[in-house]
PDB file of N, CA and C in Angstrom:
ATOM      1  N   MET A   1     -40.040   8.655 -44.650  1.00  0.00           N
ATOM      2  CA  MET A   1     -39.625   7.360 -43.895  1.00  0.00           C
ATOM      3  C   MET A   1     -38.296   7.764 -43.080  1.00  0.00           C
ATOM      4  N   ALA A   2     -38.511   7.786 -41.846  1.00  0.00           N
ATOM      5  CA  ALA A   2     -37.403   8.099 -40.871  1.00  0.00           C
ATOM      6  C   ALA A   2     -36.410   6.926 -40.651  1.00  0.00           C
ATOM      7  N   THR A   3     -35.191   7.115 -40.518  1.00  0.00           N
ATOM      8  CA  THR A   3     -34.211   5.918 -40.324  1.00  0.00           C
ATOM      9  C   THR A   3     -33.833   6.123 -38.824  1.00  0.00           C
ATOM     10  N   GLU A   4     -33.710   4.964 -38.316  1.00  0.00           N
ATOM     11  CA  GLU A   4     -33.226   4.935 -36.794  1.00  0.00           C
ATOM     12  C   GLU A   4     -31.860   5.336 -36.777  1.00  0.00           C
ATOM     13  N   PRO A   5     -31.455   6.104 -35.705  1.00  0.00           N
ATOM     14  CA  PRO A   5     -30.144   6.478 -35.541  1.00  0.00           C
ATOM     15  C   PRO A   5     -29.291   5.224 -35.143  1.00  0.00           C
ATOM     16  N   ASP A   6     -28.001   5.227 -35.360  1.00  0.00           N
ATOM     17  CA  ASP A   6     -27.072   3.953 -35.134  1.00  0.00           C
ATOM     18  C   ASP A   6     -27.185   3.861 -33.539  1.00  0.00           C
ATOM     19  N   PRO A   7     -27.074   2.736 -33.083  1.00  0.00           N
ATOM     20  CA  PRO A   7     -27.020   2.508 -31.742  1.00  0.00           C
ATOM     21  C   PRO A   7     -25.736   3.054 -31.091  1.00  0.00           C
ATOM     22  N   ALA A   8     -25.792   3.436 -29.884  1.00  0.00           N
ATOM     23  CA  ALA A   8     -24.594   3.916 -29.148  1.00  0.00           C
ATOM     24  C   ALA A   8     -23.536   2.863 -29.027  1.00  0.00           C
ATOM     25  N   PRO A   9     -22.293   3.205 -29.287  1.00  0.00           N
ATOM     26  CA  PRO A   9     -21.332   2.123 -29.169  1.00  0.00           C
ATOM     27  C   PRO A   9     -21.295   1.548 -27.728  1.00  0.00           C
ATOM     28  N   ASN A  10     -20.928   0.328 -27.574  1.00  0.00           N
ATOM     29  CA  ASN A  10     -20.837  -0.446 -26.451  1.00  0.00           C
ATOM     30  C   ASN A  10     -19.565   0.107 -25.647  1.00  0.00           C
ATOM     31  N   PRO A  11     -19.688   0.806 -24.536  1.00  0.00           N
ATOM     32  CA  PRO A  11     -18.437   1.260 -23.972  1.00  0.00           C
ATOM     33  C   PRO A  11     -17.521   0.172 -23.462  1.00  0.00           C
ATOM     34  N   GLU A  12     -18.041  -0.899 -22.953  1.00  0.00           N
ATOM     35  CA  GLU A  12     -17.321  -2.003 -22.498  1.00  0.00           C
ATOM     36  C   GLU A  12     -16.411  -2.586 -23.621  1.00  0.00           C
ATOM     37  N   LEU A  13     -17.092  -2.724 -24.734  1.00  0.00           N
ATOM     38  CA  LEU A  13     -16.406  -3.293 -25.942  1.00  0.00           C
ATOM     39  C   LEU A  13     -15.214  -2.228 -26.389  1.00  0.00           C
ATOM     40  N   SER A  14     -15.593  -1.062 -26.418  1.00  0.00           N
ATOM     41  CA  SER A  14     -14.548  -0.119 -26.820  1.00  0.00           C
ATOM     42  C   SER A  14     -13.457  -0.035 -25.885  1.00  0.00           C
ATOM     43  N   GLU A  15     -13.683  -0.129 -24.596  1.00  0.00           N
ATOM     44  CA  GLU A  15     -12.620  -0.207 -23.557  1.00  0.00           C
ATOM     45  C   GLU A  15     -11.812  -1.506 -23.772  1.00  0.00           C
ATOM     46  N   ASP A  16     -12.420  -2.502 -23.894  1.00  0.00           N
ATOM     47  CA  ASP A  16     -11.713  -3.828 -24.228  1.00  0.00           C
ATOM     48  C   ASP A  16     -10.839  -3.744 -25.449  1.00  0.00           C
ATOM     49  N   LYS A  17     -11.251  -3.142 -26.515  1.00  0.00           N
ATOM     50  CA  LYS A  17     -10.470  -2.847 -27.737  1.00  0.00           C
ATOM     51  C   LYS A  17      -9.300  -2.056 -27.453  1.00  0.00           C
ATOM     52  N   VAL A  18      -9.493  -1.069 -26.655  1.00  0.00           N
ATOM     53  CA  VAL A  18      -8.415  -0.118 -26.295  1.00  0.00           C
ATOM     54  C   VAL A  18      -7.441  -0.805 -25.515  1.00  0.00           C
ATOM     55  N   ASN A  19      -7.814  -1.559 -24.588  1.00  0.00           N
ATOM     56  CA  ASN A  19      -6.810  -2.356 -23.771  1.00  0.00           C
ATOM     57  C   ASN A  19      -6.110  -3.333 -24.605  1.00  0.00           C
ATOM     58  N   GLU A  20      -6.823  -3.997 -25.511  1.00  0.00           N
ATOM     59  CA  GLU A  20      -6.109  -5.010 -26.340  1.00  0.00           C
ATOM     60  C   GLU A  20      -5.035  -4.209 -27.207  1.00  0.00           C
ATOM     61  N   ALA A  21      -5.360  -3.030 -27.633  1.00  0.00           N
ATOM     62  CA  ALA A  21      -4.403  -2.334 -28.561  1.00  0.00           C
ATOM     63  C   ALA A  21      -3.308  -1.952 -27.753  1.00  0.00           C
ATOM     64  N   ARG A  22      -3.506  -1.340 -26.623  1.00  0.00           N
ATOM     65  CA  ARG A  22      -2.518  -1.005 -25.692  1.00  0.00           C
ATOM     66  C   ARG A  22      -1.518  -2.167 -25.311  1.00  0.00           C
ATOM     67  N   ASP A  23      -2.152  -3.201 -24.833  1.00  0.00           N
ATOM     68  CA  ASP A  23      -1.299  -4.392 -24.630  1.00  0.00           C
ATOM     69  C   ASP A  23      -0.396  -4.722 -25.737  1.00  0.00           C
ATOM     70  N   ALA A  24      -0.990  -4.899 -26.871  1.00  0.00           N
ATOM     71  CA  ALA A  24      -0.183  -5.341 -28.213  1.00  0.00           C
ATOM     72  C   ALA A  24       0.813  -4.319 -28.510  1.00  0.00           C
ATOM     73  N   TRP A  25       0.594  -2.901 -28.342  1.00  0.00           N
ATOM     74  CA  TRP A  25       1.684  -1.946 -28.606  1.00  0.00           C
ATOM     75  C   TRP A  25       2.738  -2.085 -27.556  1.00  0.00           C
ATOM     76  N   CYS A  26       2.461  -2.292 -26.327  1.00  0.00           N
ATOM     77  CA  CYS A  26       3.497  -2.275 -25.281  1.00  0.00           C
ATOM     78  C   CYS A  26       4.343  -3.529 -25.458  1.00  0.00           C
ATOM     79  N   ARG A  27       3.625  -4.786 -25.866  1.00  0.00           N
ATOM     80  CA  ARG A  27       4.414  -5.913 -26.084  1.00  0.00           C
ATOM     81  C   ARG A  27       5.478  -5.732 -27.249  1.00  0.00           C
ATOM     82  N   ALA A  28       4.912  -5.137 -28.279  1.00  0.00           N
ATOM     83  CA  ALA A  28       5.808  -4.873 -29.455  1.00  0.00           C
ATOM     84  C   ALA A  28       6.986  -3.986 -29.024  1.00  0.00           C
ATOM     85  N   TYR A  29       6.747  -2.918 -28.232  1.00  0.00           N
ATOM     86  CA  TYR A  29       7.832  -2.063 -27.846  1.00  0.00           C
ATOM     87  C   TYR A  29       8.810  -2.771 -26.995  1.00  0.00           C
ATOM     88  N   ALA A  30       8.324  -3.531 -26.053  1.00  0.00           N
ATOM     89  CA  ALA A  30       9.306  -4.353 -25.292  1.00  0.00           C
ATOM     90  C   ALA A  30      10.008  -5.461 -26.022  1.00  0.00           C
ATOM     91  N   HIS A  31       9.233  -5.959 -26.945  1.00  0.00           N
ATOM     92  CA  HIS A  31      10.021  -7.034 -27.770  1.00  0.00           C
ATOM     93  C   HIS A  31      11.206  -6.367 -28.676  1.00  0.00           C
ATOM     94  N   VAL A  32      10.978  -5.188 -28.949  1.00  0.00           N
ATOM     95  CA  VAL A  32      12.114  -4.514 -29.867  1.00  0.00           C
ATOM     96  C   VAL A  32      13.316  -4.291 -28.892  1.00  0.00           C
ATOM     97  N   TRP A  33      12.909  -3.756 -27.597  1.00  0.00           N
ATOM     98  CA  TRP A  33      14.020  -3.538 -26.662  1.00  0.00           C
ATOM     99  C   TRP A  33      14.767  -4.886 -26.311  1.00  0.00           C
ATOM    100  N   ALA A  34      13.913  -5.899 -26.232  1.00  0.00           N
ATOM    101  CA  ALA A  34      14.626  -7.230 -25.799  1.00  0.00           C
ATOM    102  C   ALA A  34      15.508  -7.697 -26.945  1.00  0.00           C
ATOM    103  N   ASP A  35      15.146  -7.452 -28.209  1.00  0.00           N
ATOM    104  CA  ASP A  35      15.928  -7.762 -29.453  1.00  0.00           C
ATOM    105  C   ASP A  35      17.141  -6.931 -29.391  1.00  0.00           C
ATOM    106  N   LEU A  36      17.019  -5.581 -29.490  1.00  0.00           N
ATOM    107  CA  LEU A  36      18.068  -4.705 -29.580  1.00  0.00           C
ATOM    108  C   LEU A  36      19.194  -4.913 -28.439  1.00  0.00           C
ATOM    109  N   SER A  37      18.650  -5.126 -27.273  1.00  0.00           N
ATOM    110  CA  SER A  37      19.556  -5.188 -26.086  1.00  0.00           C
ATOM    111  C   SER A  37      20.008  -6.653 -25.911  1.00  0.00           C
ATOM    112  N   LYS A  38      19.634  -7.526 -26.660  1.00  0.00           N
ATOM    113  CA  LYS A  38      20.025  -8.910 -26.469  1.00  0.00           C
ATOM    114  C   LYS A  38      19.653  -9.538 -25.166  1.00  0.00           C
ATOM    115  N   GLY A  39      18.431  -8.900 -24.686  1.00  0.00           N
ATOM    116  CA  GLY A  39      17.937  -9.343 -23.452  1.00  0.00           C
ATOM    117  C   GLY A  39      18.354  -8.645 -22.206  1.00  0.00           C
ATOM    118  N   ASN A  40      19.387  -7.718 -22.383  1.00  0.00           N
ATOM    119  CA  ASN A  40      19.984  -7.107 -21.155  1.00  0.00           C
ATOM    120  C   ASN A  40      19.372  -5.693 -20.990  1.00  0.00           C
ATOM    121  N   TYR A  41      18.203  -5.680 -20.375  1.00  0.00           N
ATOM    122  CA  TYR A  41      17.583  -4.257 -20.098  1.00  0.00           C
ATOM    123  C   TYR A  41      16.625  -4.597 -18.879  1.00  0.00           C
ATOM    124  N   ASP A  42      16.220  -3.340 -18.445  1.00  0.00           N
ATOM    125  CA  ASP A  42      15.392  -3.297 -17.306  1.00  0.00           C
ATOM    126  C   ASP A  42      13.849  -3.389 -17.703  1.00  0.00           C
ATOM    127  N   LYS A  43      13.428  -4.605 -17.430  1.00  0.00           N
ATOM    128  CA  LYS A  43      11.954  -4.892 -17.979  1.00  0.00           C
ATOM    129  C   LYS A  43      10.876  -3.820 -17.437  1.00  0.00           C
ATOM    130  N   ASP A  44      11.046  -3.658 -16.140  1.00  0.00           N
ATOM    131  CA  ASP A  44      10.065  -2.836 -15.592  1.00  0.00           C
ATOM    132  C   ASP A  44      10.181  -1.389 -16.041  1.00  0.00           C
ATOM    133  N   ALA A  45      11.357  -0.903 -16.342  1.00  0.00           N
ATOM    134  CA  ALA A  45      11.562   0.610 -16.876  1.00  0.00           C
ATOM    135  C   ALA A  45      11.003   0.517 -18.324  1.00  0.00           C
ATOM    136  N   VAL A  46      11.258  -0.471 -19.087  1.00  0.00           N
ATOM    137  CA  VAL A  46      10.799  -0.562 -20.495  1.00  0.00           C
ATOM    138  C   VAL A  46       9.323  -0.571 -20.507  1.00  0.00           C
ATOM    139  N   GLN A  47       8.688  -1.436 -19.643  1.00  0.00           N
ATOM    140  CA  GLN A  47       7.254  -1.551 -19.636  1.00  0.00           C
ATOM    141  C   GLN A  47       6.638  -0.083 -19.304  1.00  0.00           C
ATOM    142  N   LYS A  48       7.161   0.453 -18.344  1.00  0.00           N
ATOM    143  CA  LYS A  48       6.720   1.894 -17.921  1.00  0.00           C
ATOM    144  C   LYS A  48       6.904   2.874 -19.126  1.00  0.00           C
ATOM    145  N   ALA A  49       8.023   2.769 -19.788  1.00  0.00           N
ATOM    146  CA  ALA A  49       8.259   3.605 -20.927  1.00  0.00           C
ATOM    147  C   ALA A  49       7.167   3.356 -22.071  1.00  0.00           C
ATOM    148  N   ALA A  50       7.029   2.100 -22.276  1.00  0.00           N
ATOM    149  CA  ALA A  50       6.040   1.683 -23.434  1.00  0.00           C
ATOM    150  C   ALA A  50       4.736   2.282 -23.059  1.00  0.00           C
ATOM    151  N   ASP A  51       4.272   2.165 -21.658  1.00  0.00           N
ATOM    152  CA  ASP A  51       2.938   2.596 -21.427  1.00  0.00           C
ATOM    153  C   ASP A  51       2.833   4.178 -21.537  1.00  0.00           C
ATOM    154  N   GLU A  52       3.960   4.917 -21.149  1.00  0.00           N
ATOM    155  CA  GLU A  52       3.874   6.305 -21.371  1.00  0.00           C
ATOM    156  C   GLU A  52       4.001   6.756 -22.793  1.00  0.00           C
ATOM    157  N   HIS A  53       4.777   6.114 -23.644  1.00  0.00           N
ATOM    158  CA  HIS A  53       4.758   6.377 -25.141  1.00  0.00           C
ATOM    159  C   HIS A  53       3.399   6.093 -25.678  1.00  0.00           C
ATOM    160  N   TRP A  54       2.699   5.091 -25.255  1.00  0.00           N
ATOM    161  CA  TRP A  54       1.518   4.641 -25.884  1.00  0.00           C
ATOM    162  C   TRP A  54       0.363   5.746 -25.473  1.00  0.00           C
ATOM    163  N   GLN A  55       0.403   6.140 -24.308  1.00  0.00           N
ATOM    164  CA  GLN A  55      -0.531   7.207 -23.800  1.00  0.00           C
ATOM    165  C   GLN A  55      -0.368   8.520 -24.685  1.00  0.00           C
ATOM    166  N   ARG A  56       0.909   8.915 -24.985  1.00  0.00           N
ATOM    167  CA  ARG A  56       1.155  10.149 -25.574  1.00  0.00           C
ATOM    168  C   ARG A  56       0.880   9.952 -27.127  1.00  0.00           C
ATOM    169  N   SER A  57       1.111   8.785 -27.737  1.00  0.00           N
ATOM    170  CA  SER A  57       0.859   8.624 -29.210  1.00  0.00           C
ATOM    171  C   SER A  57       0.584   7.141 -29.607  1.00  0.00           C
ATOM    172  N   PRO A  58      -0.737   6.795 -29.273  1.00  0.00           N
ATOM    173  CA  PRO A  58      -1.166   5.349 -29.518  1.00  0.00           C
ATOM    174  C   PRO A  58      -1.062   5.002 -30.932  1.00  0.00           C
ATOM    175  N   LYS A  59      -1.123   5.869 -31.806  1.00  0.00           N
ATOM    176  CA  LYS A  59      -1.091   5.583 -33.293  1.00  0.00           C
ATOM    177  C   LYS A  59       0.271   5.491 -33.811  1.00  0.00           C
ATOM    178  N   SER A  60       1.345   5.842 -33.053  1.00  0.00           N
ATOM    179  CA  SER A  60       2.672   5.700 -33.541  1.00  0.00           C
ATOM    180  C   SER A  60       3.061   4.237 -33.565  1.00  0.00           C
ATOM    181  N   SER A  61       4.149   4.133 -34.284  1.00  0.00           N
ATOM    182  CA  SER A  61       4.692   2.678 -34.459  1.00  0.00           C
ATOM    183  C   SER A  61       5.573   2.288 -33.259  1.00  0.00           C
ATOM    184  N   PRO A  62       5.138   1.310 -32.582  1.00  0.00           N
ATOM    185  CA  PRO A  62       6.057   0.866 -31.428  1.00  0.00           C
ATOM    186  C   PRO A  62       7.470   0.497 -31.690  1.00  0.00           C
ATOM    187  N   VAL A  63       7.615  -0.101 -32.880  1.00  0.00           N
ATOM    188  CA  VAL A  63       8.894  -0.478 -33.309  1.00  0.00           C
ATOM    189  C   VAL A  63       9.825   0.738 -33.605  1.00  0.00           C
ATOM    190  N   MET A  64       9.143   1.832 -34.242  1.00  0.00           N
ATOM    191  CA  MET A  64      10.056   2.947 -34.533  1.00  0.00           C
ATOM    192  C   MET A  64      10.352   3.650 -33.183  1.00  0.00           C
ATOM    193  N   VAL A  65       9.237   3.841 -32.354  1.00  0.00           N
ATOM    194  CA  VAL A  65       9.532   4.548 -31.024  1.00  0.00           C
ATOM    195  C   VAL A  65      10.590   3.779 -30.075  1.00  0.00           C
ATOM    196  N   ALA A  66      10.497   2.574 -30.029  1.00  0.00           N
ATOM    197  CA  ALA A  66      11.442   1.723 -29.281  1.00  0.00           C
ATOM    198  C   ALA A  66      12.837   1.756 -29.809  1.00  0.00           C
ATOM    199  N   THR A  67      12.870   1.678 -31.119  1.00  0.00           N
ATOM    200  CA  THR A  67      14.179   1.880 -31.782  1.00  0.00           C
ATOM    201  C   THR A  67      14.757   3.123 -31.509  1.00  0.00           C
ATOM    202  N   THR A  68      14.123   4.202 -31.582  1.00  0.00           N
ATOM    203  CA  THR A  68      14.614   5.498 -31.415  1.00  0.00           C
ATOM    204  C   THR A  68      15.048   5.682 -29.905  1.00  0.00           C
ATOM    205  N   GLU A  69      14.242   5.273 -29.036  1.00  0.00           N
ATOM    206  CA  GLU A  69      14.485   5.351 -27.561  1.00  0.00           C
ATOM    207  C   GLU A  69      15.606   4.535 -27.179  1.00  0.00           C
ATOM    208  N   PHE A  70      15.800   3.310 -27.789  1.00  0.00           N
ATOM    209  CA  PHE A  70      17.029   2.448 -27.582  1.00  0.00           C
ATOM    210  C   PHE A  70      18.225   3.159 -28.020  1.00  0.00           C
ATOM    211  N   THR A  71      18.094   3.700 -29.292  1.00  0.00           N
ATOM    212  CA  THR A  71      19.368   4.432 -29.736  1.00  0.00           C
ATOM    213  C   THR A  71      19.693   5.570 -28.937  1.00  0.00           C
ATOM    214  N   LYS A  72      18.764   6.363 -28.372  1.00  0.00           N
ATOM    215  CA  LYS A  72      19.061   7.375 -27.506  1.00  0.00           C
ATOM    216  C   LYS A  72      19.735   6.894 -26.337  1.00  0.00           C
ATOM    217  N   ALA A  73      19.257   5.889 -25.662  1.00  0.00           N
ATOM    218  CA  ALA A  73      19.751   5.368 -24.450  1.00  0.00           C
ATOM    219  C   ALA A  73      21.043   4.775 -24.613  1.00  0.00           C
ATOM    220  N   THR A  74      21.257   4.107 -25.689  1.00  0.00           N
ATOM    221  CA  THR A  74      22.745   3.516 -25.726  1.00  0.00           C
ATOM    222  C   THR A  74      23.805   4.500 -26.095  1.00  0.00           C
ATOM    223  N   LYS A  75      23.308   5.619 -26.760  1.00  0.00           N
ATOM    224  CA  LYS A  75      24.361   6.746 -26.962  1.00  0.00           C
ATOM    225  C   LYS A  75      24.621   7.526 -25.636  1.00  0.00           C
ATOM    226  N   ALA A  76      23.596   7.685 -24.713  1.00  0.00           N
ATOM    227  CA  ALA A  76      23.724   8.270 -23.464  1.00  0.00           C
ATOM    228  C   ALA A  76      24.668   7.463 -22.566  1.00  0.00           C
ATOM    229  N   ALA A  77      24.346   6.244 -22.583  1.00  0.00           N
ATOM    230  CA  ALA A  77      25.071   5.258 -21.677  1.00  0.00           C
ATOM    231  C   ALA A  77      25.316   3.908 -22.406  1.00  0.00           C
ATOM    232  N   PRO A  78      26.337   3.762 -23.182  1.00  0.00           N
ATOM    233  CA  PRO A  78      26.569   2.622 -23.901  1.00  0.00           C
ATOM    234  C   PRO A  78      26.768   1.331 -23.042  1.00  0.00           C
ATOM    235  N   PRO A  79      26.081   0.314 -23.492  1.00  0.00           N
ATOM    236  CA  PRO A  79      26.225  -0.897 -22.779  1.00  0.00           C
ATOM    237  C   PRO A  79      27.699  -1.415 -22.609  1.00  0.00           C
ATOM    238  N   PRO A  80      28.015  -2.112 -21.477  1.00  0.00           N
ATOM    239  CA  PRO A  80      29.207  -2.486 -21.269  1.00  0.00           C
ATOM    240  C   PRO A  80      29.809  -3.610 -22.448  1.00  0.00           C
ATOM    241  N   SER A  81      31.010  -3.471 -22.764  1.00  0.00           N
ATOM    242  CA  SER A  81      31.555  -4.353 -23.763  1.00  0.00           C
ATOM    243  C   SER A  81      31.706  -5.728 -23.136  1.00  0.00           C
ATOM    244  N   VAL A  82      31.531  -6.769 -23.783  1.00  0.00           N
ATOM    245  CA  VAL A  82      31.691  -8.125 -23.435  1.00  0.00           C
ATOM    246  C   VAL A  82      32.951  -8.754 -23.887  1.00  0.00           C
TER     247      VAL A  82
END
């Protein structure tokens, strides 16, 4: 009795899931930057960085990556004192 092979995954569904995961990852990354910087950050640069980090390591934690990158950035160029 032969079993039928599993149907091929739906590429559209897979792409949608990937896009949803990417969007959620990038939103989390940007949210961490917004919190840590108290809203004083370059949104376009952070979005670009989020996308680049996600492409390199989509399974990494956006919170950990954003926190690390924020810490590096503030050590390199501390924000102005208020």
